[in-house]
Amino acid sequence: MVLMKKINLDSPATKRDLEKLVSRKEFRRAIARLATKEELKKLATKKELKKLATKEELKKLATKEELKKLATKEELKKLATKEELKRLEERLRLEIRFSSGITEEKIKEEFNKKLTETESRILEAIDDFAKEIEASREERTIVAYQTERDRKMLEDHDRRIKSLEQKVFASP
């Protein structure tokens, strides 16, 4: 671990200042760990970054607390399918035929009530799933912003390192 001494950042660094900061060997080792331009270009293109959500779009998305309340894939699988609803309807029709004292109107009302309840559960699950998707978009946008910020920082460091290298290695 290299310990750096306090230096004045308002004036340009001298060769002596640089030698106090880090040895050439340590400097080369540090540069070797930095990402190359090619590696940085692989992170994301400008075109890819433009596809990400805007700040306004992110503000409309769900919070982490809201996401915790959403249905899981397993919970969604427990909901009735169209086929199951059709079978339920057929079963109810059969019960109507064989039941005595129950009017067809009451059975239709009961069926519609159950159908409405099931439909509500399905729509709630879809709504929860949509919120999860929005949260995922938000996260991707944040990661893209952080990636771009890191890329800019690395480019700035690269420029500054090159400048230091020229000063250190150019002067005998």
N, C-alpha and C. Protein backbone atom coordinates (compact mmCIF):
# COMPACT_ATOMS: atom_id res chain seq x y z
N MET A 1 0.85 -1.17 0.00
CA MET A 1 0.00 0.00 0.00
C MET A 1 0.90 1.24 0.00
N VAL A 2 0.59 2.16 -0.86
CA VAL A 2 1.39 3.36 -1.00
C VAL A 2 0.79 4.45 -0.13
N LEU A 3 1.62 5.07 0.69
CA LEU A 3 1.15 6.18 1.51
C LEU A 3 1.53 7.47 0.82
N MET A 4 0.55 8.33 0.59
CA MET A 4 0.81 9.57 -0.12
C MET A 4 0.96 10.72 0.89
N LYS A 5 1.91 11.58 0.63
CA LYS A 5 2.09 12.75 1.48
C LYS A 5 1.17 13.85 1.00
N LYS A 6 0.89 14.78 1.88
CA LYS A 6 0.03 15.89 1.54
C LYS A 6 0.78 16.82 0.58
N ILE A 7 0.10 17.16 -0.53
CA ILE A 7 0.73 18.04 -1.52
C ILE A 7 -0.21 19.18 -1.84
N ASN A 8 0.34 20.21 -2.43
CA ASN A 8 -0.44 21.38 -2.84
C ASN A 8 -1.00 21.09 -4.23
N LEU A 9 -2.31 21.01 -4.34
CA LEU A 9 -2.95 20.68 -5.61
C LEU A 9 -3.20 21.91 -6.47
N ASP A 10 -2.92 23.11 -5.94
CA ASP A 10 -3.17 24.33 -6.70
C ASP A 10 -2.05 24.63 -7.70
N SER A 11 -0.86 24.08 -7.49
CA SER A 11 0.24 24.34 -8.42
C SER A 11 0.59 23.05 -9.16
N PRO A 12 1.19 23.15 -10.35
CA PRO A 12 1.55 21.94 -11.11
C PRO A 12 2.55 21.08 -10.34
N ALA A 13 2.47 19.80 -10.54
CA ALA A 13 3.37 18.87 -9.86
C ALA A 13 4.76 18.92 -10.49
N THR A 14 5.78 18.87 -9.65
CA THR A 14 7.15 18.81 -10.14
C THR A 14 7.60 17.35 -10.16
N LYS A 15 8.74 17.11 -10.77
CA LYS A 15 9.26 15.75 -10.81
C LYS A 15 9.51 15.24 -9.39
N ARG A 16 10.01 16.10 -8.56
CA ARG A 16 10.29 15.74 -7.16
C ARG A 16 8.98 15.37 -6.44
N ASP A 17 7.90 16.17 -6.71
CA ASP A 17 6.59 15.87 -6.12
C ASP A 17 6.13 14.48 -6.53
N LEU A 18 6.27 14.17 -7.80
CA LEU A 18 5.82 12.87 -8.31
C LEU A 18 6.65 11.73 -7.72
N GLU A 19 7.95 11.93 -7.58
CA GLU A 19 8.79 10.89 -7.01
C GLU A 19 8.43 10.62 -5.55
N LYS A 20 7.98 11.67 -4.82
CA LYS A 20 7.55 11.49 -3.44
C LYS A 20 6.26 10.69 -3.36
N LEU A 21 5.43 10.85 -4.35
CA LEU A 21 4.12 10.18 -4.34
C LEU A 21 4.23 8.68 -4.56
N VAL A 22 4.94 8.28 -5.59
CA VAL A 22 4.94 6.86 -5.96
C VAL A 22 6.19 6.55 -6.78
N SER A 23 6.69 5.34 -6.63
CA SER A 23 7.85 4.94 -7.43
C SER A 23 7.38 4.59 -8.84
N ARG A 24 8.33 4.52 -9.78
CA ARG A 24 7.98 4.17 -11.17
C ARG A 24 7.37 2.78 -11.23
N LYS A 25 7.90 1.89 -10.45
CA LYS A 25 7.39 0.52 -10.44
C LYS A 25 5.94 0.50 -9.95
N GLU A 26 5.67 1.24 -8.87
CA GLU A 26 4.30 1.30 -8.36
C GLU A 26 3.38 1.99 -9.36
N PHE A 27 3.91 3.02 -10.01
CA PHE A 27 3.12 3.75 -11.01
C PHE A 27 2.74 2.83 -12.17
N ARG A 28 3.70 2.06 -12.66
CA ARG A 28 3.42 1.14 -13.77
C ARG A 28 2.42 0.06 -13.35
N ARG A 29 2.56 -0.41 -12.13
CA ARG A 29 1.64 -1.41 -11.63
C ARG A 29 0.22 -0.85 -11.55
N ALA A 30 0.11 0.38 -11.11
CA ALA A 30 -1.21 1.03 -11.01
C ALA A 30 -1.82 1.22 -12.39
N ILE A 31 -1.04 1.62 -13.35
CA ILE A 31 -1.54 1.82 -14.72
C ILE A 31 -1.98 0.50 -15.31
N ALA A 32 -1.29 -0.57 -15.03
CA ALA A 32 -1.63 -1.88 -15.58
C ALA A 32 -3.00 -2.34 -15.10
N ARG A 33 -3.44 -1.88 -13.93
CA ARG A 33 -4.74 -2.28 -13.41
C ARG A 33 -5.89 -1.48 -14.01
N LEU A 34 -5.63 -0.37 -14.65
CA LEU A 34 -6.69 0.47 -15.22
C LEU A 34 -7.28 -0.19 -16.47
N ALA A 35 -8.53 0.13 -16.74
CA ALA A 35 -9.19 -0.41 -17.94
C ALA A 35 -8.63 0.28 -19.18
N THR A 36 -8.55 -0.48 -20.26
CA THR A 36 -8.11 0.09 -21.53
C THR A 36 -9.29 0.77 -22.22
N LYS A 37 -9.01 1.55 -23.25
CA LYS A 37 -10.08 2.21 -23.99
C LYS A 37 -11.00 1.17 -24.61
N GLU A 38 -10.42 0.09 -25.10
CA GLU A 38 -11.24 -0.96 -25.72
C GLU A 38 -12.18 -1.58 -24.69
N GLU A 39 -11.68 -1.79 -23.46
CA GLU A 39 -12.51 -2.36 -22.41
C GLU A 39 -13.65 -1.41 -22.05
N LEU A 40 -13.36 -0.12 -22.03
CA LEU A 40 -14.38 0.87 -21.71
C LEU A 40 -15.43 0.94 -22.81
N LYS A 41 -15.01 0.81 -24.04
CA LYS A 41 -15.96 0.86 -25.16
C LYS A 41 -16.92 -0.31 -25.13
N LYS A 42 -16.53 -1.43 -24.54
CA LYS A 42 -17.38 -2.61 -24.47
C LYS A 42 -18.51 -2.45 -23.46
N LEU A 43 -18.41 -1.49 -22.54
CA LEU A 43 -19.40 -1.34 -21.48
C LEU A 43 -20.78 -0.97 -22.05
N ALA A 44 -20.88 0.10 -22.80
CA ALA A 44 -22.15 0.51 -23.41
C ALA A 44 -21.87 1.57 -24.46
N THR A 45 -22.61 1.51 -25.57
CA THR A 45 -22.46 2.51 -26.62
C THR A 45 -23.39 3.68 -26.34
N LYS A 46 -23.15 4.81 -27.01
CA LYS A 46 -24.03 5.96 -26.84
C LYS A 46 -25.45 5.61 -27.27
N LYS A 47 -25.55 4.82 -28.33
CA LYS A 47 -26.86 4.41 -28.84
C LYS A 47 -27.61 3.59 -27.79
N GLU A 48 -26.90 2.69 -27.11
CA GLU A 48 -27.52 1.87 -26.05
C GLU A 48 -27.95 2.74 -24.88
N LEU A 49 -27.14 3.73 -24.54
CA LEU A 49 -27.46 4.60 -23.41
C LEU A 49 -28.70 5.45 -23.70
N LYS A 50 -28.91 5.84 -24.97
CA LYS A 50 -30.07 6.64 -25.33
C LYS A 50 -31.37 5.86 -25.18
N LYS A 51 -31.30 4.53 -25.22
CA LYS A 51 -32.48 3.69 -25.08
C LYS A 51 -32.96 3.61 -23.63
N LEU A 52 -32.15 4.04 -22.70
CA LEU A 52 -32.48 3.93 -21.28
C LEU A 52 -33.51 4.99 -20.87
N ALA A 53 -34.16 4.75 -19.77
CA ALA A 53 -35.21 5.64 -19.27
C ALA A 53 -34.64 6.98 -18.82
N THR A 54 -35.47 8.02 -18.93
CA THR A 54 -35.08 9.36 -18.48
C THR A 54 -35.35 9.50 -16.98
N LYS A 55 -34.86 10.59 -16.39
CA LYS A 55 -35.08 10.83 -14.96
C LYS A 55 -36.58 10.91 -14.66
N GLU A 56 -37.35 11.55 -15.56
CA GLU A 56 -38.79 11.67 -15.35
C GLU A 56 -39.45 10.29 -15.36
N GLU A 57 -39.01 9.43 -16.26
CA GLU A 57 -39.57 8.08 -16.32
C GLU A 57 -39.22 7.30 -15.05
N LEU A 58 -38.03 7.51 -14.54
CA LEU A 58 -37.61 6.80 -13.33
C LEU A 58 -38.43 7.23 -12.11
N LYS A 59 -38.82 8.49 -12.07
CA LYS A 59 -39.59 8.99 -10.93
C LYS A 59 -40.97 8.33 -10.87
N LYS A 60 -41.46 7.84 -12.00
CA LYS A 60 -42.78 7.21 -12.06
C LYS A 60 -42.76 5.75 -11.63
N LEU A 61 -41.58 5.19 -11.44
CA LEU A 61 -41.47 3.76 -11.15
C LEU A 61 -41.67 3.45 -9.67
N ALA A 62 -41.85 2.18 -9.38
CA ALA A 62 -42.12 1.71 -8.02
C ALA A 62 -40.86 1.78 -7.15
N THR A 63 -41.10 1.92 -5.84
CA THR A 63 -39.99 1.92 -4.89
C THR A 63 -39.67 0.48 -4.49
N LYS A 64 -38.56 0.29 -3.78
CA LYS A 64 -38.19 -1.05 -3.33
C LYS A 64 -39.25 -1.63 -2.40
N GLU A 65 -39.83 -0.78 -1.54
CA GLU A 65 -40.86 -1.25 -0.62
C GLU A 65 -42.08 -1.73 -1.39
N GLU A 66 -42.45 -1.00 -2.44
CA GLU A 66 -43.59 -1.41 -3.26
C GLU A 66 -43.31 -2.72 -3.97
N LEU A 67 -42.08 -2.90 -4.41
CA LEU A 67 -41.71 -4.12 -5.12
C LEU A 67 -41.79 -5.34 -4.20
N LYS A 68 -41.47 -5.16 -2.93
CA LYS A 68 -41.52 -6.27 -1.98
C LYS A 68 -42.95 -6.79 -1.80
N LYS A 69 -43.94 -5.94 -2.08
CA LYS A 69 -45.34 -6.31 -1.93
C LYS A 69 -45.89 -7.05 -3.15
N LEU A 70 -45.12 -7.11 -4.23
CA LEU A 70 -45.60 -7.71 -5.48
C LEU A 70 -45.67 -9.23 -5.40
N ALA A 71 -46.49 -9.78 -6.29
CA ALA A 71 -46.62 -11.24 -6.36
C ALA A 71 -45.37 -11.84 -7.00
N THR A 72 -45.00 -13.03 -6.53
CA THR A 72 -43.87 -13.74 -7.11
C THR A 72 -44.37 -14.56 -8.30
N LYS A 73 -43.45 -15.11 -9.08
CA LYS A 73 -43.82 -15.96 -10.21
C LYS A 73 -44.63 -17.15 -9.72
N GLU A 74 -44.24 -17.71 -8.59
CA GLU A 74 -44.95 -18.86 -8.04
C GLU A 74 -46.38 -18.48 -7.66
N GLU A 75 -46.56 -17.30 -7.10
CA GLU A 75 -47.90 -16.85 -6.75
C GLU A 75 -48.76 -16.64 -7.99
N LEU A 76 -48.16 -16.10 -9.04
CA LEU A 76 -48.88 -15.89 -10.29
C LEU A 76 -49.30 -17.22 -10.92
N LYS A 77 -48.48 -18.24 -10.75
CA LYS A 77 -48.79 -19.55 -11.32
C LYS A 77 -50.01 -20.16 -10.63
N LYS A 78 -50.30 -19.74 -9.41
CA LYS A 78 -51.43 -20.28 -8.67
C LYS A 78 -52.77 -19.74 -9.16
N LEU A 79 -52.75 -18.67 -9.95
CA LEU A 79 -54.00 -18.08 -10.43
C LEU A 79 -54.63 -18.96 -11.50
N ALA A 80 -55.94 -18.82 -11.65
CA ALA A 80 -56.67 -19.64 -12.61
C ALA A 80 -56.34 -19.23 -14.04
N THR A 81 -56.28 -20.25 -14.90
CA THR A 81 -56.05 -20.00 -16.33
C THR A 81 -57.41 -19.93 -17.03
N LYS A 82 -57.41 -19.53 -18.29
CA LYS A 82 -58.65 -19.47 -19.06
C LYS A 82 -59.31 -20.85 -19.11
N GLU A 83 -58.49 -21.85 -19.32
CA GLU A 83 -58.99 -23.22 -19.38
C GLU A 83 -59.66 -23.62 -18.07
N GLU A 84 -59.04 -23.27 -16.96
CA GLU A 84 -59.62 -23.59 -15.65
C GLU A 84 -60.95 -22.86 -15.45
N LEU A 85 -61.01 -21.63 -15.90
CA LEU A 85 -62.25 -20.87 -15.78
C LEU A 85 -63.36 -21.49 -16.63
N LYS A 86 -63.02 -21.97 -17.81
CA LYS A 86 -64.00 -22.64 -18.67
C LYS A 86 -64.52 -23.91 -18.00
N ARG A 87 -63.61 -24.69 -17.41
CA ARG A 87 -64.01 -25.91 -16.72
C ARG A 87 -64.92 -25.59 -15.53
N LEU A 88 -64.59 -24.52 -14.83
CA LEU A 88 -65.42 -24.09 -13.70
C LEU A 88 -66.82 -23.73 -14.18
N GLU A 89 -66.90 -23.02 -15.26
CA GLU A 89 -68.20 -22.64 -15.83
C GLU A 89 -69.02 -23.89 -16.18
N GLU A 90 -68.38 -24.85 -16.84
CA GLU A 90 -69.07 -26.08 -17.23
C GLU A 90 -69.56 -26.85 -16.00
N ARG A 91 -68.73 -26.92 -14.98
CA ARG A 91 -69.11 -27.59 -13.74
C ARG A 91 -70.32 -26.92 -13.10
N LEU A 92 -70.33 -25.63 -13.13
CA LEU A 92 -71.46 -24.89 -12.56
C LEU A 92 -72.73 -25.14 -13.37
N ARG A 93 -72.60 -25.21 -14.66
CA ARG A 93 -73.78 -25.50 -15.49
C ARG A 93 -74.37 -26.87 -15.15
N LEU A 94 -73.46 -27.84 -14.98
CA LEU A 94 -73.94 -29.18 -14.62
C LEU A 94 -74.64 -29.18 -13.28
N GLU A 95 -74.08 -28.46 -12.33
CA GLU A 95 -74.70 -28.37 -11.01
C GLU A 95 -76.08 -27.74 -11.10
N ILE A 96 -76.22 -26.78 -11.98
CA ILE A 96 -77.51 -26.12 -12.15
C ILE A 96 -78.55 -27.13 -12.62
N ARG A 97 -78.16 -27.93 -13.58
CA ARG A 97 -79.09 -28.91 -14.16
C ARG A 97 -79.57 -29.92 -13.11
N PHE A 98 -78.70 -30.33 -12.23
CA PHE A 98 -79.03 -31.38 -11.27
C PHE A 98 -79.51 -30.85 -9.92
N SER A 99 -79.38 -29.59 -9.71
CA SER A 99 -79.82 -29.02 -8.43
C SER A 99 -81.31 -28.70 -8.48
N SER A 100 -81.93 -28.87 -7.35
CA SER A 100 -83.35 -28.52 -7.28
C SER A 100 -83.51 -27.32 -6.36
N GLY A 101 -84.48 -26.50 -6.70
CA GLY A 101 -84.76 -25.34 -5.86
C GLY A 101 -83.83 -24.15 -6.12
N ILE A 102 -82.82 -24.32 -6.95
CA ILE A 102 -81.90 -23.21 -7.23
C ILE A 102 -82.21 -22.70 -8.63
N THR A 103 -82.46 -21.45 -8.74
CA THR A 103 -82.79 -20.89 -10.04
C THR A 103 -81.52 -20.66 -10.86
N GLU A 104 -81.70 -20.67 -12.16
CA GLU A 104 -80.56 -20.44 -13.07
C GLU A 104 -79.98 -19.04 -12.86
N GLU A 105 -80.86 -18.10 -12.52
CA GLU A 105 -80.42 -16.72 -12.32
C GLU A 105 -79.44 -16.61 -11.14
N LYS A 106 -79.74 -17.30 -10.05
CA LYS A 106 -78.86 -17.27 -8.88
C LYS A 106 -77.51 -17.90 -9.19
N ILE A 107 -77.55 -18.96 -9.95
CA ILE A 107 -76.28 -19.62 -10.31
C ILE A 107 -75.44 -18.73 -11.22
N LYS A 108 -76.09 -18.06 -12.15
CA LYS A 108 -75.35 -17.13 -13.02
C LYS A 108 -74.71 -16.01 -12.19
N GLU A 109 -75.45 -15.52 -11.22
CA GLU A 109 -74.92 -14.47 -10.35
C GLU A 109 -73.71 -14.97 -9.56
N GLU A 110 -73.83 -16.20 -9.04
CA GLU A 110 -72.73 -16.78 -8.28
C GLU A 110 -71.51 -16.98 -9.18
N PHE A 111 -71.75 -17.51 -10.36
CA PHE A 111 -70.65 -17.71 -11.31
C PHE A 111 -69.99 -16.39 -11.66
N ASN A 112 -70.80 -15.38 -11.98
CA ASN A 112 -70.25 -14.07 -12.32
C ASN A 112 -69.46 -13.47 -11.16
N LYS A 113 -69.94 -13.70 -9.94
CA LYS A 113 -69.22 -13.22 -8.76
C LYS A 113 -67.85 -13.88 -8.66
N LYS A 114 -67.82 -15.22 -8.81
CA LYS A 114 -66.55 -15.94 -8.75
C LYS A 114 -65.64 -15.53 -9.90
N LEU A 115 -66.23 -15.37 -11.05
CA LEU A 115 -65.45 -14.96 -12.23
C LEU A 115 -64.85 -13.57 -12.01
N THR A 116 -65.63 -12.68 -11.46
CA THR A 116 -65.15 -11.31 -11.18
C THR A 116 -64.02 -11.34 -10.15
N GLU A 117 -64.17 -12.15 -9.12
CA GLU A 117 -63.12 -12.27 -8.11
C GLU A 117 -61.81 -12.79 -8.74
N THR A 118 -61.94 -13.81 -9.56
CA THR A 118 -60.76 -14.39 -10.21
C THR A 118 -60.13 -13.37 -11.16
N GLU A 119 -60.98 -12.68 -11.90
CA GLU A 119 -60.48 -11.66 -12.82
C GLU A 119 -59.74 -10.57 -12.05
N SER A 120 -60.27 -10.17 -10.92
CA SER A 120 -59.61 -9.15 -10.08
C SER A 120 -58.24 -9.62 -9.63
N ARG A 121 -58.15 -10.86 -9.19
CA ARG A 121 -56.85 -11.40 -8.75
C ARG A 121 -55.85 -11.41 -9.91
N ILE A 122 -56.33 -11.79 -11.08
CA ILE A 122 -55.45 -11.83 -12.26
C ILE A 122 -54.97 -10.42 -12.60
N LEU A 123 -55.89 -9.46 -12.62
CA LEU A 123 -55.52 -8.08 -12.96
C LEU A 123 -54.57 -7.49 -11.91
N GLU A 124 -54.76 -7.82 -10.65
CA GLU A 124 -53.84 -7.35 -9.61
C GLU A 124 -52.45 -7.94 -9.81
N ALA A 125 -52.42 -9.21 -10.17
CA ALA A 125 -51.12 -9.86 -10.42
C ALA A 125 -50.43 -9.23 -11.62
N ILE A 126 -51.18 -8.93 -12.66
CA ILE A 126 -50.61 -8.29 -13.85
C ILE A 126 -50.09 -6.90 -13.49
N ASP A 127 -50.87 -6.17 -12.69
CA ASP A 127 -50.45 -4.84 -12.26
C ASP A 127 -49.15 -4.91 -11.46
N ASP A 128 -49.07 -5.88 -10.55
CA ASP A 128 -47.85 -6.06 -9.75
C ASP A 128 -46.66 -6.40 -10.65
N PHE A 129 -46.90 -7.26 -11.62
CA PHE A 129 -45.83 -7.64 -12.55
C PHE A 129 -45.35 -6.43 -13.34
N ALA A 130 -46.28 -5.60 -13.78
CA ALA A 130 -45.91 -4.38 -14.53
C ALA A 130 -45.05 -3.46 -13.66
N LYS A 131 -45.36 -3.39 -12.38
CA LYS A 131 -44.56 -2.56 -11.47
C LYS A 131 -43.15 -3.12 -11.35
N GLU A 132 -43.02 -4.43 -11.31
CA GLU A 132 -41.69 -5.06 -11.26
C GLU A 132 -40.90 -4.70 -12.51
N ILE A 133 -41.54 -4.73 -13.64
CA ILE A 133 -40.86 -4.39 -14.89
C ILE A 133 -40.39 -2.94 -14.86
N GLU A 134 -41.24 -2.05 -14.37
CA GLU A 134 -40.85 -0.65 -14.28
C GLU A 134 -39.65 -0.47 -13.35
N ALA A 135 -39.65 -1.19 -12.25
CA ALA A 135 -38.52 -1.11 -11.31
C ALA A 135 -37.24 -1.62 -11.96
N SER A 136 -37.36 -2.65 -12.74
CA SER A 136 -36.20 -3.20 -13.43
C SER A 136 -35.65 -2.17 -14.42
N ARG A 137 -36.54 -1.49 -15.12
CA ARG A 137 -36.10 -0.43 -16.05
C ARG A 137 -35.38 0.67 -15.29
N GLU A 138 -35.92 1.03 -14.15
CA GLU A 138 -35.30 2.07 -13.33
C GLU A 138 -33.88 1.66 -12.94
N GLU A 139 -33.75 0.43 -12.51
CA GLU A 139 -32.43 -0.05 -12.08
C GLU A 139 -31.44 -0.04 -13.26
N ARG A 140 -31.91 -0.47 -14.44
CA ARG A 140 -31.02 -0.47 -15.61
C ARG A 140 -30.59 0.95 -15.96
N THR A 141 -31.50 1.89 -15.84
CA THR A 141 -31.17 3.28 -16.14
C THR A 141 -30.13 3.81 -15.16
N ILE A 142 -30.31 3.48 -13.91
CA ILE A 142 -29.36 3.93 -12.88
C ILE A 142 -27.98 3.33 -13.14
N VAL A 143 -27.95 2.05 -13.45
CA VAL A 143 -26.68 1.37 -13.73
C VAL A 143 -26.02 2.00 -14.96
N ALA A 144 -26.81 2.31 -15.97
CA ALA A 144 -26.25 2.92 -17.18
C ALA A 144 -25.66 4.29 -16.85
N TYR A 145 -26.34 5.06 -16.02
CA TYR A 145 -25.84 6.37 -15.63
C TYR A 145 -24.52 6.22 -14.87
N GLN A 146 -24.49 5.28 -13.94
CA GLN A 146 -23.28 5.06 -13.16
C GLN A 146 -22.14 4.59 -14.06
N THR A 147 -22.45 3.76 -15.03
CA THR A 147 -21.44 3.27 -15.97
C THR A 147 -20.87 4.43 -16.77
N GLU A 148 -21.75 5.30 -17.26
CA GLU A 148 -21.29 6.45 -18.03
C GLU A 148 -20.44 7.37 -17.17
N ARG A 149 -20.87 7.59 -15.93
CA ARG A 149 -20.09 8.43 -15.02
C ARG A 149 -18.70 7.83 -14.78
N ASP A 150 -18.66 6.51 -14.55
CA ASP A 150 -17.38 5.83 -14.32
C ASP A 150 -16.50 5.89 -15.57
N ARG A 151 -17.13 5.75 -16.73
CA ARG A 151 -16.38 5.82 -17.98
C ARG A 151 -15.72 7.20 -18.15
N LYS A 152 -16.50 8.25 -17.86
CA LYS A 152 -15.96 9.61 -17.97
C LYS A 152 -14.81 9.80 -16.99
N MET A 153 -14.98 9.26 -15.78
CA MET A 153 -13.94 9.38 -14.77
C MET A 153 -12.67 8.65 -15.22
N LEU A 154 -12.84 7.47 -15.78
CA LEU A 154 -11.69 6.71 -16.26
C LEU A 154 -10.99 7.42 -17.42
N GLU A 155 -11.76 8.02 -18.30
CA GLU A 155 -11.16 8.77 -19.41
C GLU A 155 -10.36 9.95 -18.88
N ASP A 156 -10.93 10.63 -17.86
CA ASP A 156 -10.22 11.76 -17.26
C ASP A 156 -8.93 11.27 -16.59
N HIS A 157 -9.01 10.17 -15.88
CA HIS A 157 -7.81 9.60 -15.25
C HIS A 157 -6.78 9.20 -16.30
N ASP A 158 -7.23 8.61 -17.38
CA ASP A 158 -6.34 8.20 -18.45
C ASP A 158 -5.60 9.42 -19.01
N ARG A 159 -6.36 10.50 -19.24
CA ARG A 159 -5.77 11.73 -19.77
C ARG A 159 -4.75 12.30 -18.77
N ARG A 160 -5.11 12.29 -17.51
CA ARG A 160 -4.21 12.86 -16.50
C ARG A 160 -2.96 11.99 -16.32
N ILE A 161 -3.14 10.68 -16.37
CA ILE A 161 -2.00 9.76 -16.24
C ILE A 161 -1.04 9.95 -17.42
N LYS A 162 -1.60 10.07 -18.61
CA LYS A 162 -0.74 10.27 -19.78
C LYS A 162 0.05 11.56 -19.66
N SER A 163 -0.62 12.59 -19.14
CA SER A 163 0.05 13.86 -18.94
C SER A 163 1.21 13.70 -17.94
N LEU A 164 0.94 13.00 -16.85
CA LEU A 164 1.98 12.76 -15.84
C LEU A 164 3.11 11.92 -16.42
N GLU A 165 2.77 10.91 -17.19
CA GLU A 165 3.80 10.06 -17.81
C GLU A 165 4.71 10.89 -18.72
N GLN A 166 4.10 11.76 -19.49
CA GLN A 166 4.90 12.60 -20.38
C GLN A 166 5.85 13.48 -19.58
N LYS A 167 5.36 14.01 -18.49
CA LYS A 167 6.21 14.89 -17.68
C LYS A 167 7.30 14.11 -16.95
N VAL A 168 6.91 12.94 -16.44
CA VAL A 168 7.87 12.15 -15.65
C VAL A 168 8.90 11.50 -16.55
N PHE A 169 8.49 10.88 -17.60
CA PHE A 169 9.39 10.11 -18.44
C PHE A 169 10.08 10.94 -19.53
N ALA A 170 9.55 12.12 -19.82
CA ALA A 170 10.15 12.97 -20.84
C ALA A 170 11.36 13.75 -20.29
N SER A 171 11.27 14.14 -19.03
CA SER A 171 12.38 14.92 -18.47
C SER A 171 13.39 13.98 -17.82
N PRO A 172 14.70 14.12 -18.18
CA PRO A 172 15.74 13.22 -17.66
C PRO A 172 16.08 13.44 -16.19
